[in-house]
N, C-alpha and C. Protein backbone atom coordinates (compact mmCIF):
# COMPACT_ATOMS: atom_id res chain seq x y z
N MET A 1 -64.96 -5.15 29.46
CA MET A 1 -63.75 -5.52 30.14
C MET A 1 -62.50 -4.90 29.49
N ALA A 2 -62.58 -4.73 28.21
CA ALA A 2 -61.43 -4.18 27.51
C ALA A 2 -61.05 -2.80 28.01
N PRO A 3 -62.02 -1.89 28.27
CA PRO A 3 -61.63 -0.58 28.76
C PRO A 3 -60.99 -0.62 30.14
N SER A 4 -61.38 -1.52 31.01
CA SER A 4 -60.78 -1.57 32.35
C SER A 4 -59.34 -2.08 32.30
N GLN A 5 -59.03 -2.96 31.36
CA GLN A 5 -57.66 -3.46 31.25
C GLN A 5 -56.72 -2.34 30.78
N ASN A 6 -57.20 -1.47 29.89
CA ASN A 6 -56.37 -0.37 29.40
C ASN A 6 -56.06 0.62 30.51
N LYS A 7 -56.97 0.79 31.47
CA LYS A 7 -56.72 1.74 32.55
C LYS A 7 -55.71 1.20 33.56
N THR A 8 -55.68 -0.09 33.78
CA THR A 8 -54.75 -0.64 34.76
C THR A 8 -53.36 -0.85 34.19
N ALA A 9 -53.25 -1.02 32.88
CA ALA A 9 -51.94 -1.27 32.27
C ALA A 9 -50.97 -0.10 32.48
N PRO A 10 -51.39 1.17 32.28
CA PRO A 10 -50.45 2.26 32.54
C PRO A 10 -50.04 2.35 34.00
N MET A 11 -50.92 1.99 34.89
CA MET A 11 -50.57 2.01 36.31
C MET A 11 -49.49 0.98 36.61
N ARG A 12 -49.60 -0.19 35.99
CA ARG A 12 -48.58 -1.23 36.22
C ARG A 12 -47.24 -0.79 35.65
N ARG A 13 -47.25 -0.18 34.46
CA ARG A 13 -45.99 0.28 33.88
C ARG A 13 -45.36 1.35 34.75
N GLN A 14 -46.17 2.27 35.26
CA GLN A 14 -45.65 3.34 36.09
C GLN A 14 -45.10 2.80 37.40
N SER A 15 -45.78 1.86 37.98
CA SER A 15 -45.29 1.31 39.24
C SER A 15 -44.05 0.46 39.01
N SER A 16 -43.98 -0.24 37.87
CA SER A 16 -42.78 -1.03 37.60
C SER A 16 -41.59 -0.13 37.29
N MET A 17 -41.84 1.03 36.67
CA MET A 17 -40.76 1.97 36.38
C MET A 17 -40.24 2.59 37.68
N SER A 18 -41.12 2.97 38.55
CA SER A 18 -40.67 3.54 39.82
C SER A 18 -39.97 2.49 40.67
N ALA A 19 -40.40 1.22 40.55
CA ALA A 19 -39.72 0.15 41.27
C ALA A 19 -38.33 -0.09 40.68
N PHE A 20 -38.18 0.14 39.39
CA PHE A 20 -36.85 -0.01 38.77
C PHE A 20 -35.93 1.12 39.23
N LEU A 21 -36.44 2.35 39.25
CA LEU A 21 -35.61 3.48 39.67
C LEU A 21 -35.17 3.33 41.12
N HIS A 22 -36.12 3.03 42.00
CA HIS A 22 -35.77 2.82 43.41
C HIS A 22 -36.77 1.83 44.00
N ASN A 23 -36.25 0.65 44.29
CA ASN A 23 -37.07 -0.39 44.91
C ASN A 23 -36.85 -0.33 46.41
N LYS A 24 -37.89 0.11 47.14
CA LYS A 24 -37.77 0.28 48.59
C LYS A 24 -37.70 -1.06 49.31
N GLU A 25 -38.29 -2.09 48.72
CA GLU A 25 -38.29 -3.40 49.37
C GLU A 25 -36.89 -4.02 49.41
N THR A 26 -36.18 -3.94 48.27
CA THR A 26 -34.84 -4.55 48.22
C THR A 26 -33.74 -3.52 48.45
N GLY A 27 -34.07 -2.22 48.39
CA GLY A 27 -33.06 -1.18 48.60
C GLY A 27 -32.14 -0.99 47.40
N THR A 28 -32.63 -1.26 46.20
CA THR A 28 -31.79 -1.14 45.01
C THR A 28 -32.15 0.11 44.23
N TYR A 29 -31.17 0.62 43.52
CA TYR A 29 -31.33 1.74 42.59
C TYR A 29 -30.96 1.23 41.21
N PHE A 30 -31.87 1.36 40.26
CA PHE A 30 -31.65 0.87 38.90
C PHE A 30 -31.26 -0.60 38.90
N GLY A 31 -31.79 -1.36 39.81
CA GLY A 31 -31.56 -2.80 39.86
C GLY A 31 -30.27 -3.21 40.53
N LYS A 32 -29.52 -2.27 41.11
CA LYS A 32 -28.26 -2.61 41.78
C LYS A 32 -28.27 -2.04 43.19
N SER A 33 -27.64 -2.77 44.07
CA SER A 33 -27.54 -2.31 45.46
C SER A 33 -26.45 -1.24 45.55
N PRO A 34 -26.46 -0.43 46.60
CA PRO A 34 -25.41 0.58 46.76
C PRO A 34 -24.01 -0.04 46.80
N ASP A 35 -23.88 -1.25 47.36
CA ASP A 35 -22.59 -1.93 47.37
C ASP A 35 -22.13 -2.25 45.94
N GLN A 36 -23.06 -2.72 45.11
CA GLN A 36 -22.72 -3.02 43.71
C GLN A 36 -22.35 -1.75 42.95
N TRP A 37 -23.08 -0.66 43.21
CA TRP A 37 -22.75 0.61 42.55
C TRP A 37 -21.37 1.09 42.97
N GLY A 38 -21.00 0.90 44.21
CA GLY A 38 -19.67 1.29 44.68
C GLY A 38 -18.57 0.51 44.00
N LYS A 39 -18.77 -0.81 43.87
CA LYS A 39 -17.77 -1.64 43.19
C LYS A 39 -17.66 -1.26 41.72
N LEU A 40 -18.80 -0.98 41.08
CA LEU A 40 -18.79 -0.60 39.67
C LEU A 40 -18.09 0.74 39.48
N LEU A 41 -18.39 1.69 40.35
CA LEU A 41 -17.75 2.99 40.29
C LEU A 41 -16.24 2.87 40.52
N PHE A 42 -15.83 2.06 41.48
CA PHE A 42 -14.40 1.84 41.74
C PHE A 42 -13.72 1.21 40.52
N PHE A 43 -14.35 0.23 39.90
CA PHE A 43 -13.77 -0.41 38.72
C PHE A 43 -13.55 0.60 37.59
N TYR A 44 -14.58 1.41 37.29
CA TYR A 44 -14.44 2.35 36.18
C TYR A 44 -13.47 3.48 36.50
N LEU A 45 -13.38 3.88 37.75
CA LEU A 45 -12.36 4.86 38.12
C LEU A 45 -10.96 4.31 37.89
N CYS A 46 -10.74 3.06 38.29
CA CYS A 46 -9.44 2.42 38.05
C CYS A 46 -9.18 2.23 36.56
N PHE A 47 -10.18 1.78 35.82
CA PHE A 47 -10.02 1.51 34.39
C PHE A 47 -9.68 2.79 33.63
N TYR A 48 -10.47 3.84 33.83
CA TYR A 48 -10.20 5.08 33.10
C TYR A 48 -8.97 5.79 33.63
N GLY A 49 -8.62 5.59 34.89
CA GLY A 49 -7.36 6.13 35.40
C GLY A 49 -6.17 5.49 34.72
N MET A 50 -6.23 4.17 34.54
CA MET A 50 -5.15 3.47 33.83
C MET A 50 -5.09 3.89 32.36
N CYS A 51 -6.24 4.07 31.73
CA CYS A 51 -6.26 4.53 30.33
C CYS A 51 -5.62 5.91 30.22
N THR A 52 -5.93 6.79 31.17
CA THR A 52 -5.35 8.13 31.18
C THR A 52 -3.85 8.07 31.42
N LEU A 53 -3.43 7.21 32.32
CA LEU A 53 -2.00 7.05 32.59
C LEU A 53 -1.27 6.51 31.36
N LEU A 54 -1.83 5.53 30.69
CA LEU A 54 -1.23 4.98 29.47
C LEU A 54 -1.12 6.05 28.40
N PHE A 55 -2.18 6.84 28.21
CA PHE A 55 -2.14 7.91 27.22
C PHE A 55 -1.05 8.92 27.55
N ALA A 56 -0.94 9.30 28.82
CA ALA A 56 0.08 10.29 29.22
C ALA A 56 1.48 9.76 28.99
N VAL A 57 1.72 8.49 29.31
CA VAL A 57 3.06 7.92 29.11
C VAL A 57 3.40 7.85 27.63
N VAL A 58 2.47 7.40 26.81
CA VAL A 58 2.72 7.32 25.37
C VAL A 58 2.94 8.71 24.79
N TYR A 59 2.16 9.68 25.25
CA TYR A 59 2.31 11.06 24.79
C TYR A 59 3.69 11.60 25.13
N LEU A 60 4.15 11.37 26.35
CA LEU A 60 5.48 11.85 26.75
C LEU A 60 6.60 11.15 25.98
N VAL A 61 6.44 9.86 25.73
CA VAL A 61 7.45 9.13 24.95
C VAL A 61 7.51 9.67 23.53
N MET A 62 6.35 9.91 22.94
CA MET A 62 6.34 10.44 21.57
C MET A 62 6.93 11.86 21.53
N LEU A 63 6.65 12.67 22.52
CA LEU A 63 7.24 14.01 22.56
C LEU A 63 8.75 13.97 22.73
N SER A 64 9.24 12.96 23.43
CA SER A 64 10.69 12.88 23.64
C SER A 64 11.43 12.46 22.37
N THR A 65 10.72 11.92 21.39
CA THR A 65 11.39 11.51 20.15
C THR A 65 11.48 12.64 19.15
N ILE A 66 10.80 13.77 19.38
CA ILE A 66 10.86 14.90 18.46
C ILE A 66 12.17 15.65 18.72
N PRO A 67 12.97 15.87 17.69
CA PRO A 67 14.25 16.56 17.91
C PRO A 67 14.02 18.05 18.16
N ASP A 68 15.02 18.67 18.78
CA ASP A 68 14.98 20.12 18.99
C ASP A 68 15.02 20.81 17.63
N THR A 69 14.60 22.07 17.62
CA THR A 69 14.60 22.80 16.34
C THR A 69 16.02 23.00 15.82
N LYS A 70 16.99 23.09 16.72
CA LYS A 70 18.37 23.25 16.25
C LYS A 70 18.89 21.96 15.62
N ASP A 71 18.33 20.81 16.01
CA ASP A 71 18.74 19.54 15.44
C ASP A 71 17.81 19.08 14.33
N GLY A 72 16.78 19.86 14.07
CA GLY A 72 15.74 19.46 13.11
C GLY A 72 16.18 19.62 11.67
N PRO A 73 15.24 19.70 10.77
CA PRO A 73 15.57 19.80 9.35
C PRO A 73 16.30 21.09 9.03
N LYS A 74 17.20 21.00 8.10
CA LYS A 74 18.02 22.16 7.72
C LYS A 74 17.34 23.01 6.65
N LEU A 75 16.41 22.44 5.93
CA LEU A 75 15.76 23.13 4.83
C LEU A 75 14.35 23.50 5.24
N HIS A 76 14.08 24.79 5.40
CA HIS A 76 12.77 25.27 5.82
C HIS A 76 12.17 26.09 4.69
N ILE A 77 11.53 25.42 3.75
CA ILE A 77 10.85 26.14 2.68
C ILE A 77 9.50 25.49 2.47
N GLN A 78 8.64 26.21 1.82
CA GLN A 78 7.35 25.66 1.44
C GLN A 78 7.23 25.85 -0.07
N LEU A 79 6.97 24.76 -0.76
CA LEU A 79 6.84 24.86 -2.20
C LEU A 79 5.57 25.60 -2.56
N THR A 80 5.68 26.52 -3.50
CA THR A 80 4.49 27.24 -3.93
C THR A 80 3.60 26.35 -4.78
N ARG A 81 4.21 25.44 -5.52
CA ARG A 81 3.45 24.49 -6.34
C ARG A 81 3.98 23.10 -6.04
N PRO A 82 3.38 22.40 -5.09
CA PRO A 82 3.88 21.07 -4.77
C PRO A 82 3.64 20.11 -5.93
N GLY A 83 4.48 19.10 -6.01
CA GLY A 83 4.35 18.11 -7.08
C GLY A 83 5.40 18.36 -8.14
N LEU A 84 5.09 18.01 -9.36
CA LEU A 84 6.02 18.16 -10.46
C LEU A 84 6.03 19.60 -10.93
N ASN A 85 7.19 20.22 -10.90
CA ASN A 85 7.35 21.60 -11.38
C ASN A 85 8.26 21.57 -12.60
N VAL A 86 7.91 22.37 -13.58
CA VAL A 86 8.75 22.52 -14.76
C VAL A 86 9.18 23.97 -14.79
N LEU A 87 10.48 24.17 -14.75
CA LEU A 87 11.02 25.52 -14.84
C LEU A 87 11.90 25.61 -16.06
N PRO A 88 11.80 26.60 -16.83
CA PRO A 88 10.89 27.73 -16.76
C PRO A 88 9.52 27.38 -17.32
N ASN A 89 8.51 28.14 -16.92
CA ASN A 89 7.16 27.95 -17.44
C ASN A 89 7.05 28.63 -18.80
N GLY A 90 6.22 28.10 -19.68
CA GLY A 90 6.07 28.72 -21.00
C GLY A 90 7.39 28.82 -21.71
N PHE A 91 7.98 27.70 -22.02
CA PHE A 91 9.35 27.61 -22.49
C PHE A 91 9.45 28.10 -23.94
N ARG A 92 9.52 29.43 -24.11
CA ARG A 92 9.72 30.01 -25.44
C ARG A 92 10.71 31.15 -25.29
N PHE A 93 11.74 31.08 -26.08
CA PHE A 93 12.69 32.18 -26.09
C PHE A 93 13.47 32.13 -27.39
N ALA A 94 14.01 33.25 -27.73
CA ALA A 94 14.88 33.35 -28.91
C ALA A 94 16.27 33.69 -28.42
N ARG A 95 17.24 33.07 -29.02
CA ARG A 95 18.63 33.28 -28.56
C ARG A 95 19.03 34.74 -28.68
N THR A 96 18.55 35.38 -29.70
CA THR A 96 18.92 36.79 -29.91
C THR A 96 18.09 37.74 -29.06
N ASP A 97 16.93 37.27 -28.57
CA ASP A 97 16.05 38.13 -27.76
C ASP A 97 16.44 37.99 -26.30
N THR A 98 17.23 38.94 -25.82
CA THR A 98 17.72 38.84 -24.44
C THR A 98 16.62 39.09 -23.42
N ALA A 99 15.58 39.81 -23.78
CA ALA A 99 14.48 40.07 -22.83
C ALA A 99 13.74 38.79 -22.49
N SER A 100 13.43 37.96 -23.49
CA SER A 100 12.74 36.69 -23.21
C SER A 100 13.65 35.73 -22.46
N ARG A 101 14.93 35.74 -22.82
CA ARG A 101 15.89 34.88 -22.13
C ARG A 101 16.03 35.29 -20.66
N ASP A 102 16.12 36.60 -20.42
CA ASP A 102 16.28 37.09 -19.05
C ASP A 102 15.04 36.77 -18.20
N LYS A 103 13.87 36.78 -18.84
CA LYS A 103 12.64 36.45 -18.11
C LYS A 103 12.67 34.99 -17.66
N GLN A 104 13.17 34.10 -18.52
CA GLN A 104 13.27 32.69 -18.15
C GLN A 104 14.30 32.47 -17.05
N VAL A 105 15.43 33.13 -17.17
CA VAL A 105 16.50 33.01 -16.16
C VAL A 105 16.02 33.57 -14.82
N GLU A 106 15.28 34.67 -14.86
CA GLU A 106 14.76 35.27 -13.63
C GLU A 106 13.76 34.34 -12.94
N ALA A 107 12.94 33.63 -13.72
CA ALA A 107 11.99 32.67 -13.13
C ALA A 107 12.74 31.54 -12.42
N ILE A 108 13.81 31.06 -13.01
CA ILE A 108 14.60 29.99 -12.38
C ILE A 108 15.31 30.52 -11.14
N ASP A 109 15.86 31.73 -11.23
CA ASP A 109 16.53 32.32 -10.07
C ASP A 109 15.56 32.53 -8.91
N ASN A 110 14.36 32.98 -9.20
CA ASN A 110 13.36 33.18 -8.14
C ASN A 110 13.03 31.87 -7.45
N TYR A 111 12.96 30.79 -8.21
CA TYR A 111 12.67 29.49 -7.62
C TYR A 111 13.83 29.03 -6.73
N PHE A 112 15.06 29.17 -7.23
CA PHE A 112 16.22 28.72 -6.45
C PHE A 112 16.54 29.63 -5.28
N ASN A 113 16.10 30.87 -5.30
CA ASN A 113 16.34 31.79 -4.18
C ASN A 113 15.55 31.39 -2.93
N ALA A 114 14.53 30.56 -3.09
CA ALA A 114 13.78 30.08 -1.93
C ALA A 114 14.61 29.14 -1.08
N PHE A 115 15.65 28.56 -1.66
CA PHE A 115 16.53 27.65 -0.94
C PHE A 115 17.68 28.44 -0.35
N PRO A 116 17.97 28.25 0.95
CA PRO A 116 19.09 29.00 1.54
C PRO A 116 20.43 28.57 0.96
N ASP A 117 20.52 27.34 0.54
CA ASP A 117 21.76 26.82 -0.04
C ASP A 117 21.38 25.85 -1.15
N LYS A 118 21.86 26.09 -2.35
CA LYS A 118 21.48 25.24 -3.49
C LYS A 118 21.97 23.81 -3.33
N THR A 119 22.97 23.61 -2.50
CA THR A 119 23.47 22.24 -2.32
C THR A 119 22.49 21.38 -1.53
N LEU A 120 21.51 22.02 -0.88
CA LEU A 120 20.51 21.26 -0.15
C LEU A 120 19.43 20.68 -1.07
N ILE A 121 19.39 21.13 -2.31
CA ILE A 121 18.41 20.62 -3.26
C ILE A 121 18.84 19.21 -3.66
N PRO A 122 17.94 18.23 -3.49
CA PRO A 122 18.32 16.85 -3.84
C PRO A 122 18.71 16.73 -5.30
N GLY A 123 19.88 16.17 -5.56
CA GLY A 123 20.35 15.94 -6.92
C GLY A 123 20.96 17.15 -7.60
N PHE A 124 21.08 18.28 -6.89
CA PHE A 124 21.62 19.49 -7.53
C PHE A 124 23.07 19.29 -7.96
N SER A 125 23.81 18.55 -7.20
CA SER A 125 25.22 18.32 -7.56
C SER A 125 25.35 17.42 -8.79
N ASP A 126 24.27 16.70 -9.14
CA ASP A 126 24.30 15.85 -10.33
C ASP A 126 23.97 16.61 -11.61
N PHE A 127 23.54 17.87 -11.49
CA PHE A 127 23.24 18.66 -12.68
C PHE A 127 24.52 18.91 -13.46
N PRO A 128 24.44 19.08 -14.76
CA PRO A 128 25.64 19.50 -15.51
C PRO A 128 26.11 20.87 -15.02
N ALA A 129 27.38 21.15 -15.24
CA ALA A 129 27.95 22.41 -14.73
C ALA A 129 27.24 23.62 -15.30
N VAL A 130 26.77 23.56 -16.53
CA VAL A 130 26.10 24.70 -17.15
C VAL A 130 24.75 24.97 -16.47
N CYS A 131 24.17 23.97 -15.82
CA CYS A 131 22.87 24.13 -15.18
C CYS A 131 22.97 24.54 -13.72
N GLN A 132 24.17 24.65 -13.19
CA GLN A 132 24.31 24.97 -11.77
C GLN A 132 24.48 26.45 -11.50
N SER A 133 24.56 27.27 -12.54
CA SER A 133 24.72 28.71 -12.33
C SER A 133 24.00 29.48 -13.42
N THR A 134 23.77 30.75 -13.14
CA THR A 134 23.11 31.65 -14.08
C THR A 134 24.00 31.81 -15.30
N PRO A 135 23.52 31.83 -16.49
CA PRO A 135 22.17 31.87 -17.04
C PRO A 135 21.62 30.49 -17.42
N TYR A 136 22.06 29.44 -16.79
CA TYR A 136 21.50 28.09 -16.94
C TYR A 136 21.46 27.60 -18.40
N GLY A 137 22.48 27.95 -19.15
CA GLY A 137 22.59 27.48 -20.53
C GLY A 137 21.78 28.25 -21.54
N PHE A 138 21.07 29.27 -21.13
CA PHE A 138 20.25 30.04 -22.08
C PHE A 138 21.10 30.89 -23.01
N ASP A 139 22.32 31.22 -22.61
CA ASP A 139 23.18 32.05 -23.46
C ASP A 139 23.82 31.23 -24.57
N SER A 140 23.92 29.91 -24.39
CA SER A 140 24.59 29.09 -25.40
C SER A 140 23.61 28.19 -26.16
N SER A 141 22.32 28.51 -26.11
CA SER A 141 21.28 27.76 -26.81
C SER A 141 21.16 26.32 -26.34
N THR A 142 21.61 26.05 -25.15
CA THR A 142 21.42 24.72 -24.53
C THR A 142 20.76 24.92 -23.16
N PRO A 143 19.53 25.40 -23.17
CA PRO A 143 18.90 25.73 -21.89
C PRO A 143 18.63 24.48 -21.05
N CYS A 144 18.70 24.68 -19.74
CA CYS A 144 18.39 23.62 -18.80
C CYS A 144 16.92 23.70 -18.44
N VAL A 145 16.27 22.57 -18.42
CA VAL A 145 14.88 22.49 -18.03
C VAL A 145 14.85 21.65 -16.75
N PHE A 146 14.34 22.25 -15.68
CA PHE A 146 14.31 21.59 -14.37
C PHE A 146 12.93 21.00 -14.14
N LEU A 147 12.89 19.73 -13.82
CA LEU A 147 11.62 19.07 -13.51
C LEU A 147 11.53 18.85 -12.02
């Protein structure tokens, strides 16, 4: 008897699967009538349409808050070394050695040349007067170190 039960079991599964896909007696597809499928399709069309509308409205509102480039930031630079910078690097110089002093001053000038206007640098106006112009105190043995 055991072998006969194994042969009929796959037939029952196959017939139940085909009845699930399309039941001719009740006229259902996947367990739902065409009327139910229509209502479900209408609901999801409305739901995802509203989600799309909400996304579009939020997107347009966010885009309207971005200022024009003419009204945007005044300082357009990219730091070569973001974070804490110490200028000059390798802080060694001799007061009498103008070549080493000029190398340090040139490194500071190269950094500040990236800014279109030095007054845009935060806190630049708070620097001592000797640190606001070349040679940044290197000529008087009071060099400025910028962090």
